[in-house]
Amino acid sequence: MAASGTQGPLAPKLPELLERDPYLAPFEQDFQRRYALFYKRLKSIDDNEGGLNKFSKSYKSFGVNQFVDGGVYCKEWAPGAEAVFLTGDFNGWNPFSHPYKKMDYGKWELFIPPGQDGFSPVPHGSKLKVVIRAQNGELLYRISPWARYVVRYEDKVNYDWVHWNPPQTYIRRHHSPKKLKSLRIYESHVGIASPEGKIASYKNFTYNVLPRIRDLGYNCIQLMAVMEHAYYASFGYQVTSFFAASSRYGTPDDLKELIDVAHSMGLTVLLDVVHSHASKNSEDGLNKFDGTDSCFFHSGPRGTHQVWDSRLFDYANWEVLRFLLSNLRMWIEDYGFDGFRFDGVTSMLYHDHGIGKEFSGDYNEYFGLDVDEDALCYLMLANHMINFLHPDCITIAEDVSGMPALCRPVAEGGGGFDYRLAMAIPDKWIKIIKELKDEDWNMGNIVYTLTNRRYDEKYIAYAESHDQALVGDKTLAFRLMDAEMYTNMSVFTPLTPVIDRGIQLHKMIRLITHTLGGDGYLNFMGNEFGHPEWLDFPRKGNNESFHYARRQFNLTDDHLLRYKFLNEFDRDMNKLEEKFGWLASPPAFVSEKHESNKVIAYERAGLLFIFNFHPYESYVDYRVGVEVPGNDVNEVYKWKRL
């Protein structure tokens, strides 16, 4: 029976959520309405598309796909088009020789029979364009939204759509790892994963970086900037071709090999997926694909993000749901990704996109008219689909707002994510280091920030990510040691107070974040050894320089530099977690946060952790309370300022 104000069945496990958090009880109707919308959309997909399984496989029919007999089937959704054609190398770029047939609901289809020899009429590696006759009669040459491979040649400004259908494609050899209980994530960018001043390749990452990640004790890789993006300096967050793996690093098969080799090492691989917005590019992006302002996006001001200057999806649109759900499915099944980190979830959840908004934690901020329930419904559908079809896959939400139940099952009325990023933690460390003298560090405030998370929702803790490494900001190591990193990191130079303090605090901050801050841990590549300087991609403002768009792994390989000590500590930290599994254990019991002594002590996973943050005091025979008397605690792990 439906509750008042809702249409559809009740969320079957919502009572469990409300029992766990009674303060959510006044918003029961909001949860029921959200679930009813999810159920309605799911049932409509079942009734009209033959089920979510078939609906999310649309990447196999939309775009340009080859049949077994060599024929080619083409399908597009262009509701604003007057006519649609396919042109390219295969027909001498005749714009009108291959017209699509108009179908219902704005869809268009074209079948090109195989040649007499049985070969495809559209050869592998040939260039293509969809020709759209707009409502005003203008001819628009577009890349299919479903294109699987796009390339920018050196003499071109825009990307070209290249038909990808090799006679022999990469065959996966290794199974994906089982779903991890303890998640230790190495956040990575393929293009900067080399000390050389150039765009690095998938091959380089496979053979030179994957072994490093495994050796450091990480069990999961999060790949950024894989979805094709025309502007390299966007860090991959201005996506132009959603189904294409970025060609600047290599071919689709190179990426498949990377993931397969990672699986052979026992590494889980996540994709940083961007479904919160899209690039405004129209020549080689989704924008104005059919000649209208809408199509995949909201029309008018609602369809543009004021800060990002990008287009915003219409999540209530049937074909947008098809496009985005199929996109997730393709990355899992075609490439072998083991899940996703969803970027920009806060922007999706609220009509104001969280712009200029300080979330106080008042529950009224998370319910009501400002919540974009169509976007939330899409996220629920996405997580439901992933969990149903690939239950070992992992999903992580990048949400700064703290939306309650975002990481609870859809059956409870939740968003269905496995984890959310603990985004307050890196902000806290930056604030402390920038604004406070060492003797003014507040132990209670540090513990509060590291432990302030919703009960029974999992968090990924991190001291810093790619955000803190970008130009204009500073990494923790650079904030702590600054210019002395250029002169005093050699083991042959005296250990100055600045370098000594920086190395010790770098270790302490990462260890306490790892052990106290959440149910998973994330590190951005290079930060484990205190990578100096910021990250800045080639652009006009820096004369297209690659100097800062690289990771100097050579620094930690040089045994005459002190970077190796940070690298070794990071490895030991991960290996210790692998042994004791604190990330998969219940939250820590904090027994001490002593302000004058600057000591924090807590127990987790049978380990006792004691941190002395005092800038100059050391303690002998320091006593702390423990859960188990005597010597029964597995191991005592202590770290202090030296």
Foldseek 3Di string as FASTA:
>chain_A
DADPPADADALQAQVVVCVQPVVCVVVRVQLRRLLRVLVVLQVCCCVPVVGPVRLLQCLCQEAWHADPLQKIKYKAAQQQFPWKAKAWPLVPRPGPPWTWPDDPPRMTMGIGDHDPVSHHSQDAFTWMWMWTQGPVRDTATEHGLSQAAWADDPVDLAITRTHHDDPDAADFDFAAAFFDLAAAEAEEEQQFAFQDLGGEALQCCQPPVLVLCLLLQGQEYEYWLQQADSDVQVRNQAHFHLNYGHPRRHHLRSLLVSCRSSRVSNHAYAYAHEQAFHHCDGRRGDQCVNVDRCRQADHDPLQADPPVRTGGGDLVDPVNLSSVSSSQVCCCPVRNHQAYEYPLVCLLQFSNSCVPHDAPPPLVVQDDDGTPSSSLSSLLVNLVVCCVPPVRGAYEYAHPNQRPQCQPHVSSSHSNHQEYELVVQLVVVVCCLVPHDLLPDALVVNLCSQAVHDPPHFYEFENDALVQQAPPHFALLCSQQNPCLVPPFFPPHDCDPSNLQSLQVLLVSGLCRCQARTLYYYDYPQVQLPFGHGAGAQDVVVPGTSNRSHHPPVQLVDPRGNSVVSSVSSSVSSVVCVVQVQSSWPHWAWFDRDSNQRWTWIDTSLEIEIEGSRQDDDDDPDDTDDPDPDPRRPYYDYGYRD
